[in-house]
Amino acid sequence: MSEPHTTAEMAGHEQSDAELGPLIRFAIFLAAITLFLALVVVGLYKYLDAREVAEKAGRYPLAEGVTRPLPPRPRLQTYPFDDIKALRNEENKVLDHYAWIDQGAGIVRIPIERAIDVLAQKGLPYRPAGQPVQTGPADQSGQVGQSGEVSPAGQPAPPTEKH
């Protein structure tokens, strides 16, 4: 075994550049093979597509003008982005416009921005301290228990103890 005599041989790297000819030939070969395979794939796709069209055309000649019935509900959404846009438009109609809820009773739906303004002017309703909470309707006598519940027999519910 010979020992390295120069500093380049001792460093362990090559002294010359790689030859450019074989690298260019390999790149051209690789591009040609890639182009050839792409053309083979496109040709195969066109052949299989034409075969499928020909096969389906001859199978059901009487069903050509018939539309397929829809599957039973619930169905998948075919265009979910259009569906969400339509839903948002319907919601905006409810939130941004005036409408009668019950004209006989005088109940009106107002736009959300107007409702916020009215709430800011009047404030939220509140209950003075010490007044019992009435969560449900009162019985015929109008008696409501301390917890605000009415028993099924019409008697006020007993007060609940707080622990």
N, C-alpha and C. Protein backbone atom coordinates (compact mmCIF):
# COMPACT_ATOMS: atom_id res chain seq x y z
N MET A 1 0.84 -1.16 0.00
CA MET A 1 0.00 0.00 0.00
C MET A 1 0.89 1.23 0.00
N SER A 2 0.55 2.14 -0.84
CA SER A 2 1.38 3.35 -0.93
C SER A 2 0.86 4.41 0.01
N GLU A 3 1.76 5.17 0.52
CA GLU A 3 1.36 6.24 1.43
C GLU A 3 1.24 7.53 0.65
N PRO A 4 0.30 8.45 1.05
CA PRO A 4 0.15 9.73 0.34
C PRO A 4 1.40 10.59 0.52
N HIS A 5 1.82 11.20 -0.59
CA HIS A 5 3.03 12.01 -0.55
C HIS A 5 2.74 13.51 -0.63
N THR A 6 1.61 13.89 -1.27
CA THR A 6 1.30 15.32 -1.41
C THR A 6 0.20 15.70 -0.43
N THR A 7 0.02 17.03 -0.26
CA THR A 7 -1.02 17.50 0.67
C THR A 7 -2.41 17.21 0.13
N ALA A 8 -2.60 17.22 -1.21
CA ALA A 8 -3.91 16.93 -1.79
C ALA A 8 -4.29 15.48 -1.56
N GLU A 9 -3.30 14.60 -1.69
CA GLU A 9 -3.58 13.19 -1.44
C GLU A 9 -3.85 12.97 0.04
N MET A 10 -3.24 13.74 0.90
CA MET A 10 -3.45 13.60 2.34
C MET A 10 -4.82 14.16 2.75
N ALA A 11 -5.30 15.20 2.04
CA ALA A 11 -6.58 15.81 2.38
C ALA A 11 -7.74 14.91 2.01
N GLY A 12 -7.64 14.08 0.99
CA GLY A 12 -8.68 13.14 0.65
C GLY A 12 -9.74 13.69 -0.29
N HIS A 13 -9.41 14.65 -1.14
CA HIS A 13 -10.38 15.15 -2.10
C HIS A 13 -9.78 15.14 -3.49
N GLU A 14 -10.63 15.27 -4.49
CA GLU A 14 -10.16 15.21 -5.86
C GLU A 14 -9.55 16.53 -6.28
N GLN A 15 -8.61 16.44 -7.20
CA GLN A 15 -7.92 17.62 -7.68
C GLN A 15 -8.57 18.22 -8.92
N SER A 16 -9.43 17.48 -9.62
CA SER A 16 -10.03 17.99 -10.86
C SER A 16 -11.55 17.98 -10.72
N ASP A 17 -12.21 18.75 -11.61
CA ASP A 17 -13.67 18.79 -11.63
C ASP A 17 -14.20 17.52 -12.28
N ALA A 18 -15.49 17.28 -12.08
CA ALA A 18 -16.13 16.14 -12.72
C ALA A 18 -16.24 16.42 -14.21
N GLU A 19 -16.22 15.36 -15.02
CA GLU A 19 -16.34 15.54 -16.47
C GLU A 19 -17.77 15.90 -16.80
N LEU A 20 -17.93 16.91 -17.65
CA LEU A 20 -19.25 17.45 -17.96
C LEU A 20 -19.97 16.61 -19.00
N GLY A 21 -19.31 15.95 -19.89
CA GLY A 21 -19.92 15.18 -20.98
C GLY A 21 -20.86 14.09 -20.48
N PRO A 22 -20.41 13.21 -19.60
CA PRO A 22 -21.31 12.16 -19.11
C PRO A 22 -22.51 12.72 -18.34
N LEU A 23 -22.32 13.82 -17.61
CA LEU A 23 -23.45 14.42 -16.88
C LEU A 23 -24.50 14.96 -17.84
N ILE A 24 -24.10 15.61 -18.92
CA ILE A 24 -25.05 16.14 -19.90
C ILE A 24 -25.76 14.99 -20.60
N ARG A 25 -25.03 13.94 -20.98
CA ARG A 25 -25.66 12.79 -21.63
C ARG A 25 -26.70 12.15 -20.69
N PHE A 26 -26.39 12.03 -19.41
CA PHE A 26 -27.34 11.45 -18.46
C PHE A 26 -28.59 12.33 -18.34
N ALA A 27 -28.42 13.66 -18.27
CA ALA A 27 -29.57 14.57 -18.15
C ALA A 27 -30.45 14.46 -19.38
N ILE A 28 -29.85 14.37 -20.60
CA ILE A 28 -30.64 14.23 -21.83
C ILE A 28 -31.37 12.89 -21.83
N PHE A 29 -30.70 11.83 -21.43
CA PHE A 29 -31.32 10.51 -21.36
C PHE A 29 -32.50 10.52 -20.38
N LEU A 30 -32.31 11.14 -19.23
CA LEU A 30 -33.37 11.21 -18.22
C LEU A 30 -34.57 12.00 -18.74
N ALA A 31 -34.33 13.12 -19.41
CA ALA A 31 -35.42 13.92 -19.97
C ALA A 31 -36.15 13.14 -21.06
N ALA A 32 -35.42 12.42 -21.90
CA ALA A 32 -36.06 11.64 -22.97
C ALA A 32 -36.93 10.53 -22.39
N ILE A 33 -36.43 9.83 -21.41
CA ILE A 33 -37.21 8.76 -20.78
C ILE A 33 -38.46 9.33 -20.12
N THR A 34 -38.32 10.46 -19.44
CA THR A 34 -39.46 11.10 -18.78
C THR A 34 -40.50 11.51 -19.81
N LEU A 35 -40.10 12.12 -20.91
CA LEU A 35 -41.02 12.52 -21.97
C LEU A 35 -41.70 11.30 -22.59
N PHE A 36 -40.94 10.24 -22.84
CA PHE A 36 -41.51 9.03 -23.42
C PHE A 36 -42.56 8.43 -22.49
N LEU A 37 -42.26 8.34 -21.21
CA LEU A 37 -43.22 7.77 -20.26
C LEU A 37 -44.46 8.65 -20.11
N ALA A 38 -44.29 9.96 -20.16
CA ALA A 38 -45.45 10.85 -20.10
C ALA A 38 -46.36 10.63 -21.30
N LEU A 39 -45.77 10.47 -22.49
CA LEU A 39 -46.58 10.21 -23.69
C LEU A 39 -47.27 8.86 -23.61
N VAL A 40 -46.61 7.86 -23.06
CA VAL A 40 -47.24 6.55 -22.88
C VAL A 40 -48.43 6.65 -21.93
N VAL A 41 -48.29 7.38 -20.84
CA VAL A 41 -49.38 7.53 -19.87
C VAL A 41 -50.56 8.27 -20.50
N VAL A 42 -50.31 9.35 -21.24
CA VAL A 42 -51.39 10.10 -21.89
C VAL A 42 -52.10 9.21 -22.90
N GLY A 43 -51.34 8.47 -23.69
CA GLY A 43 -51.96 7.57 -24.67
C GLY A 43 -52.79 6.50 -24.01
N LEU A 44 -52.29 5.92 -22.93
CA LEU A 44 -53.04 4.91 -22.20
C LEU A 44 -54.32 5.49 -21.61
N TYR A 45 -54.25 6.68 -21.08
CA TYR A 45 -55.44 7.34 -20.53
C TYR A 45 -56.49 7.55 -21.62
N LYS A 46 -56.07 8.06 -22.79
CA LYS A 46 -57.03 8.31 -23.88
C LYS A 46 -57.65 7.00 -24.35
N TYR A 47 -56.85 5.95 -24.45
CA TYR A 47 -57.37 4.66 -24.87
C TYR A 47 -58.41 4.14 -23.88
N LEU A 48 -58.09 4.17 -22.58
CA LEU A 48 -59.02 3.66 -21.57
C LEU A 48 -60.28 4.51 -21.48
N ASP A 49 -60.14 5.82 -21.64
CA ASP A 49 -61.31 6.70 -21.60
C ASP A 49 -62.23 6.41 -22.78
N ALA A 50 -61.69 6.26 -23.98
CA ALA A 50 -62.51 5.95 -25.15
C ALA A 50 -63.19 4.59 -25.00
N ARG A 51 -62.47 3.62 -24.44
CA ARG A 51 -63.05 2.30 -24.23
C ARG A 51 -64.21 2.35 -23.24
N GLU A 52 -64.06 3.14 -22.18
CA GLU A 52 -65.14 3.25 -21.19
C GLU A 52 -66.38 3.93 -21.78
N VAL A 53 -66.17 4.99 -22.57
CA VAL A 53 -67.30 5.68 -23.19
C VAL A 53 -68.03 4.73 -24.14
N ALA A 54 -67.29 3.98 -24.93
CA ALA A 54 -67.91 3.04 -25.86
C ALA A 54 -68.66 1.94 -25.12
N GLU A 55 -68.12 1.50 -24.00
CA GLU A 55 -68.77 0.44 -23.24
C GLU A 55 -70.05 0.92 -22.59
N LYS A 56 -70.08 2.13 -22.06
CA LYS A 56 -71.28 2.66 -21.41
C LYS A 56 -72.36 3.02 -22.42
N ALA A 57 -71.98 3.46 -23.61
CA ALA A 57 -72.95 3.89 -24.60
C ALA A 57 -73.79 2.72 -25.07
N GLY A 58 -73.23 1.54 -25.22
CA GLY A 58 -73.98 0.41 -25.72
C GLY A 58 -74.75 -0.34 -24.66
N ARG A 59 -74.53 -0.08 -23.42
CA ARG A 59 -75.12 -0.88 -22.36
C ARG A 59 -76.60 -0.58 -22.15
N TYR A 60 -76.98 0.71 -22.10
CA TYR A 60 -78.37 1.09 -21.80
C TYR A 60 -78.88 2.07 -22.86
N PRO A 61 -79.25 1.61 -24.04
CA PRO A 61 -79.67 2.54 -25.09
C PRO A 61 -81.02 3.20 -24.80
N LEU A 62 -81.91 2.55 -24.07
CA LEU A 62 -83.23 3.13 -23.78
C LEU A 62 -83.19 4.13 -22.64
N ALA A 63 -82.15 4.10 -21.84
CA ALA A 63 -82.07 4.98 -20.68
C ALA A 63 -81.35 6.28 -20.99
N GLU A 64 -81.14 6.57 -22.27
CA GLU A 64 -80.38 7.77 -22.62
C GLU A 64 -81.11 9.06 -22.27
N GLY A 65 -82.42 9.13 -22.45
CA GLY A 65 -83.17 10.35 -22.16
C GLY A 65 -83.77 10.39 -20.78
N VAL A 66 -83.60 9.34 -19.99
CA VAL A 66 -84.21 9.25 -18.66
C VAL A 66 -83.25 9.84 -17.64
N THR A 67 -83.79 10.69 -16.76
CA THR A 67 -82.97 11.22 -15.67
C THR A 67 -83.04 10.27 -14.49
N ARG A 68 -81.96 10.19 -13.76
CA ARG A 68 -81.91 9.30 -12.60
C ARG A 68 -82.70 9.90 -11.45
N PRO A 69 -83.45 9.08 -10.71
CA PRO A 69 -84.17 9.61 -9.55
C PRO A 69 -83.18 9.96 -8.44
N LEU A 70 -83.57 10.94 -7.63
CA LEU A 70 -82.71 11.35 -6.52
C LEU A 70 -82.76 10.30 -5.42
N PRO A 71 -81.66 10.12 -4.71
CA PRO A 71 -81.67 9.17 -3.59
C PRO A 71 -82.52 9.72 -2.45
N PRO A 72 -82.92 8.88 -1.51
CA PRO A 72 -83.74 9.37 -0.39
C PRO A 72 -82.95 10.33 0.48
N ARG A 73 -83.69 11.16 1.22
CA ARG A 73 -83.06 12.13 2.11
C ARG A 73 -82.47 11.43 3.31
N PRO A 74 -81.48 11.89 3.97
CA PRO A 74 -80.68 13.08 3.72
C PRO A 74 -79.68 12.80 2.60
N ARG A 75 -79.47 13.80 1.77
CA ARG A 75 -78.54 13.68 0.65
C ARG A 75 -77.26 14.44 0.95
N LEU A 76 -76.21 14.06 0.27
CA LEU A 76 -74.95 14.77 0.40
C LEU A 76 -75.06 16.12 -0.30
N GLN A 77 -74.32 17.08 0.18
CA GLN A 77 -74.30 18.38 -0.47
C GLN A 77 -73.41 18.31 -1.70
N THR A 78 -73.96 18.75 -2.84
CA THR A 78 -73.15 18.73 -4.05
C THR A 78 -72.31 20.00 -4.15
N TYR A 79 -72.83 21.11 -3.65
CA TYR A 79 -72.09 22.38 -3.67
C TYR A 79 -72.16 23.02 -2.28
N PRO A 80 -71.34 22.57 -1.34
CA PRO A 80 -71.47 23.07 0.04
C PRO A 80 -71.18 24.56 0.18
N PHE A 81 -70.29 25.12 -0.66
CA PHE A 81 -69.99 26.54 -0.54
C PHE A 81 -71.19 27.38 -0.97
N ASP A 82 -71.90 26.94 -2.01
CA ASP A 82 -73.12 27.64 -2.41
C ASP A 82 -74.19 27.51 -1.35
N ASP A 83 -74.28 26.33 -0.72
CA ASP A 83 -75.28 26.12 0.32
C ASP A 83 -75.03 27.03 1.52
N ILE A 84 -73.77 27.18 1.92
CA ILE A 84 -73.48 28.03 3.08
C ILE A 84 -73.72 29.50 2.74
N LYS A 85 -73.46 29.89 1.48
CA LYS A 85 -73.76 31.27 1.07
C LYS A 85 -75.26 31.54 1.12
N ALA A 86 -76.07 30.58 0.64
CA ALA A 86 -77.52 30.74 0.68
C ALA A 86 -78.02 30.80 2.13
N LEU A 87 -77.45 29.97 2.99
CA LEU A 87 -77.83 30.00 4.40
C LEU A 87 -77.49 31.34 5.04
N ARG A 88 -76.30 31.86 4.75
CA ARG A 88 -75.90 33.17 5.30
C ARG A 88 -76.81 34.28 4.79
N ASN A 89 -77.23 34.23 3.53
CA ASN A 89 -78.14 35.24 2.99
C ASN A 89 -79.49 35.18 3.70
N GLU A 90 -79.99 33.97 3.96
CA GLU A 90 -81.26 33.84 4.68
C GLU A 90 -81.12 34.37 6.12
N GLU A 91 -80.00 34.06 6.76
CA GLU A 91 -79.79 34.56 8.12
C GLU A 91 -79.68 36.07 8.13
N ASN A 92 -79.02 36.65 7.14
CA ASN A 92 -78.90 38.11 7.08
C ASN A 92 -80.24 38.77 6.85
N LYS A 93 -81.13 38.13 6.09
CA LYS A 93 -82.48 38.69 5.91
C LYS A 93 -83.20 38.77 7.25
N VAL A 94 -83.02 37.77 8.09
CA VAL A 94 -83.67 37.76 9.40
C VAL A 94 -83.01 38.78 10.32
N LEU A 95 -81.67 38.86 10.28
CA LEU A 95 -80.95 39.72 11.22
C LEU A 95 -80.93 41.19 10.83
N ASP A 96 -81.07 41.49 9.56
CA ASP A 96 -80.86 42.87 9.10
C ASP A 96 -82.12 43.59 8.63
N HIS A 97 -83.30 43.00 8.77
CA HIS A 97 -84.51 43.63 8.26
C HIS A 97 -85.63 43.58 9.28
N TYR A 98 -86.52 44.55 9.16
CA TYR A 98 -87.73 44.58 9.99
C TYR A 98 -88.73 43.58 9.43
N ALA A 99 -89.52 42.96 10.31
CA ALA A 99 -90.57 42.04 9.87
C ALA A 99 -91.58 41.87 11.01
N TRP A 100 -92.82 41.60 10.64
CA TRP A 100 -93.85 41.33 11.64
C TRP A 100 -93.73 39.88 12.09
N ILE A 101 -93.72 39.66 13.38
CA ILE A 101 -93.80 38.32 13.94
C ILE A 101 -95.28 37.98 14.15
N ASP A 102 -96.00 38.88 14.84
CA ASP A 102 -97.45 38.75 15.05
C ASP A 102 -98.04 40.15 14.97
N GLN A 103 -98.64 40.46 13.83
CA GLN A 103 -99.14 41.82 13.62
C GLN A 103 -100.30 42.14 14.55
N GLY A 104 -101.13 41.15 14.85
CA GLY A 104 -102.27 41.37 15.74
C GLY A 104 -101.82 41.72 17.15
N ALA A 105 -100.76 41.09 17.61
CA ALA A 105 -100.25 41.34 18.96
C ALA A 105 -99.24 42.48 18.97
N GLY A 106 -98.85 42.96 17.80
CA GLY A 106 -97.89 44.07 17.72
C GLY A 106 -96.45 43.64 17.97
N ILE A 107 -96.12 42.40 17.66
CA ILE A 107 -94.75 41.91 17.86
C ILE A 107 -93.98 42.05 16.55
N VAL A 108 -92.87 42.77 16.63
CA VAL A 108 -92.08 43.06 15.44
C VAL A 108 -90.65 42.57 15.64
N ARG A 109 -90.06 42.06 14.57
CA ARG A 109 -88.64 41.70 14.61
C ARG A 109 -87.87 42.90 14.08
N ILE A 110 -86.85 43.31 14.81
CA ILE A 110 -86.05 44.47 14.40
C ILE A 110 -84.64 44.01 14.06
N PRO A 111 -83.93 44.77 13.25
CA PRO A 111 -82.55 44.38 12.91
C PRO A 111 -81.67 44.31 14.15
N ILE A 112 -80.68 43.48 14.09
CA ILE A 112 -79.81 43.23 15.24
C ILE A 112 -79.08 44.50 15.69
N GLU A 113 -78.65 45.31 14.74
CA GLU A 113 -77.95 46.56 15.10
C GLU A 113 -78.89 47.50 15.86
N ARG A 114 -80.15 47.57 15.42
CA ARG A 114 -81.14 48.43 16.11
C ARG A 114 -81.42 47.87 17.49
N ALA A 115 -81.48 46.54 17.63
CA ALA A 115 -81.73 45.93 18.93
C ALA A 115 -80.59 46.23 19.90
N ILE A 116 -79.36 46.24 19.39
CA ILE A 116 -78.21 46.58 20.24
C ILE A 116 -78.31 48.02 20.70
N ASP A 117 -78.71 48.93 19.80
CA ASP A 117 -78.86 50.34 20.17
C ASP A 117 -79.94 50.52 21.22
N VAL A 118 -81.09 49.85 21.05
CA VAL A 118 -82.19 49.96 22.02
C VAL A 118 -81.74 49.41 23.37
N LEU A 119 -81.05 48.30 23.36
CA LEU A 119 -80.57 47.71 24.61
C LEU A 119 -79.56 48.63 25.29
N ALA A 120 -78.74 49.29 24.51
CA ALA A 120 -77.76 50.21 25.09
C ALA A 120 -78.46 51.42 25.71
N GLN A 121 -79.55 51.88 25.11
CA GLN A 121 -80.28 53.03 25.65
C GLN A 121 -81.06 52.67 26.91
N LYS A 122 -81.81 51.55 26.85
CA LYS A 122 -82.68 51.19 27.96
C LYS A 122 -81.97 50.38 29.04
N GLY A 123 -80.95 49.65 28.69
CA GLY A 123 -80.26 48.79 29.64
C GLY A 123 -80.96 47.44 29.76
N LEU A 124 -80.29 46.52 30.40
CA LEU A 124 -80.86 45.20 30.61
C LEU A 124 -81.86 45.23 31.75
N PRO A 125 -82.91 44.40 31.67
CA PRO A 125 -83.84 44.34 32.81
C PRO A 125 -83.15 43.70 34.00
N TYR A 126 -83.53 44.16 35.17
CA TYR A 126 -82.91 43.62 36.37
C TYR A 126 -83.97 43.42 37.43
N ARG A 127 -83.64 42.67 38.46
CA ARG A 127 -84.53 42.36 39.56
C ARG A 127 -83.93 42.93 40.82
N PRO A 128 -84.70 43.68 41.59
CA PRO A 128 -84.16 44.20 42.85
C PRO A 128 -83.76 43.07 43.78
N ALA A 129 -82.78 43.32 44.61
CA ALA A 129 -82.27 42.31 45.54
C ALA A 129 -83.35 41.91 46.52
N GLY A 130 -83.40 40.63 46.85
CA GLY A 130 -84.37 40.13 47.83
C GLY A 130 -85.67 39.70 47.21
N GLN A 131 -85.93 39.99 45.97
CA GLN A 131 -87.17 39.60 45.32
C GLN A 131 -87.00 38.18 44.78
N PRO A 132 -88.01 37.29 45.00
CA PRO A 132 -87.86 35.92 44.53
C PRO A 132 -87.85 35.86 42.99
N VAL A 133 -87.14 34.86 42.49
CA VAL A 133 -87.04 34.68 41.06
C VAL A 133 -88.25 33.90 40.58
N GLN A 134 -88.90 34.38 39.54
CA GLN A 134 -90.05 33.68 38.97
C GLN A 134 -89.60 33.11 37.63
N THR A 135 -89.33 31.81 37.63
CA THR A 135 -88.83 31.18 36.40
C THR A 135 -89.94 30.59 35.57
N GLY A 136 -91.03 30.15 36.19
CA GLY A 136 -92.11 29.51 35.46
C GLY A 136 -93.41 30.25 35.69
N PRO A 137 -94.44 29.83 34.98
CA PRO A 137 -95.74 30.50 35.17
C PRO A 137 -96.33 30.13 36.53
N ALA A 138 -97.14 31.03 37.07
CA ALA A 138 -97.79 30.79 38.36
C ALA A 138 -99.01 29.91 38.15
N ASP A 139 -99.49 29.26 39.22
CA ASP A 139 -100.71 28.45 39.10
C ASP A 139 -101.93 29.37 39.05
N GLN A 140 -103.16 28.80 39.11
CA GLN A 140 -104.38 29.60 38.99
C GLN A 140 -104.48 30.66 40.07
N SER A 141 -104.00 30.38 41.26
CA SER A 141 -104.12 31.37 42.33
C SER A 141 -103.03 32.42 42.26
N GLY A 142 -102.07 32.23 41.35
CA GLY A 142 -101.01 33.21 41.20
C GLY A 142 -99.90 33.03 42.21
N GLN A 143 -99.88 31.88 42.94
CA GLN A 143 -98.86 31.66 43.94
C GLN A 143 -97.64 30.98 43.31
N VAL A 144 -96.53 31.54 43.63
CA VAL A 144 -95.27 30.97 43.16
C VAL A 144 -94.41 30.76 44.38
N GLY A 145 -93.71 29.61 44.40
CA GLY A 145 -92.85 29.32 45.55
C GLY A 145 -91.65 30.25 45.59
N GLN A 146 -90.89 30.16 46.69
CA GLN A 146 -89.74 31.02 46.87
C GLN A 146 -88.68 30.74 45.80
N SER A 147 -88.58 29.48 45.34
CA SER A 147 -87.60 29.15 44.31
C SER A 147 -88.13 29.48 42.92
N GLY A 148 -89.38 29.88 42.83
CA GLY A 148 -89.95 30.25 41.53
C GLY A 148 -90.61 29.09 40.84
N GLU A 149 -90.68 27.91 41.46
CA GLU A 149 -91.27 26.75 40.83
C GLU A 149 -92.69 26.57 41.35
N VAL A 150 -93.54 26.01 40.50
CA VAL A 150 -94.90 25.70 40.88
C VAL A 150 -95.02 24.20 40.88
N SER A 151 -95.58 23.64 41.93
CA SER A 151 -95.72 22.19 42.02
C SER A 151 -96.81 21.74 41.07
N PRO A 152 -96.82 20.46 40.67
CA PRO A 152 -97.83 19.98 39.73
C PRO A 152 -99.24 20.08 40.28
N ALA A 153 -99.42 20.00 41.58
CA ALA A 153 -100.76 20.05 42.17
C ALA A 153 -101.25 21.47 42.34
N GLY A 154 -100.51 22.45 41.88
CA GLY A 154 -100.93 23.83 42.01
C GLY A 154 -100.42 24.48 43.28
N GLN A 155 -99.75 23.71 44.14
CA GLN A 155 -99.22 24.25 45.38
C GLN A 155 -97.80 24.75 45.13
N PRO A 156 -97.39 25.82 45.81
CA PRO A 156 -96.03 26.30 45.63
C PRO A 156 -95.02 25.25 46.07
N ALA A 157 -93.95 25.17 45.38
CA ALA A 157 -92.88 24.24 45.71
C ALA A 157 -92.22 24.72 46.98
N PRO A 158 -91.80 23.80 47.85
CA PRO A 158 -91.14 24.23 49.08
C PRO A 158 -89.80 24.89 48.75
N PRO A 159 -89.40 25.84 49.56
CA PRO A 159 -88.13 26.52 49.29
C PRO A 159 -86.96 25.54 49.38
N THR A 160 -86.01 25.71 48.48
CA THR A 160 -84.85 24.84 48.50
C THR A 160 -83.81 25.41 49.44
N GLU A 161 -83.13 24.51 50.15
CA GLU A 161 -82.11 24.96 51.09
C GLU A 161 -80.79 25.10 50.36
N LYS A 162 -80.06 26.15 50.71
CA LYS A 162 -78.73 26.37 50.14
C LYS A 162 -77.70 25.88 51.14
N HIS A 163 -76.79 25.05 50.69
CA HIS A 163 -75.75 24.51 51.57
C HIS A 163 -74.48 25.25 51.42
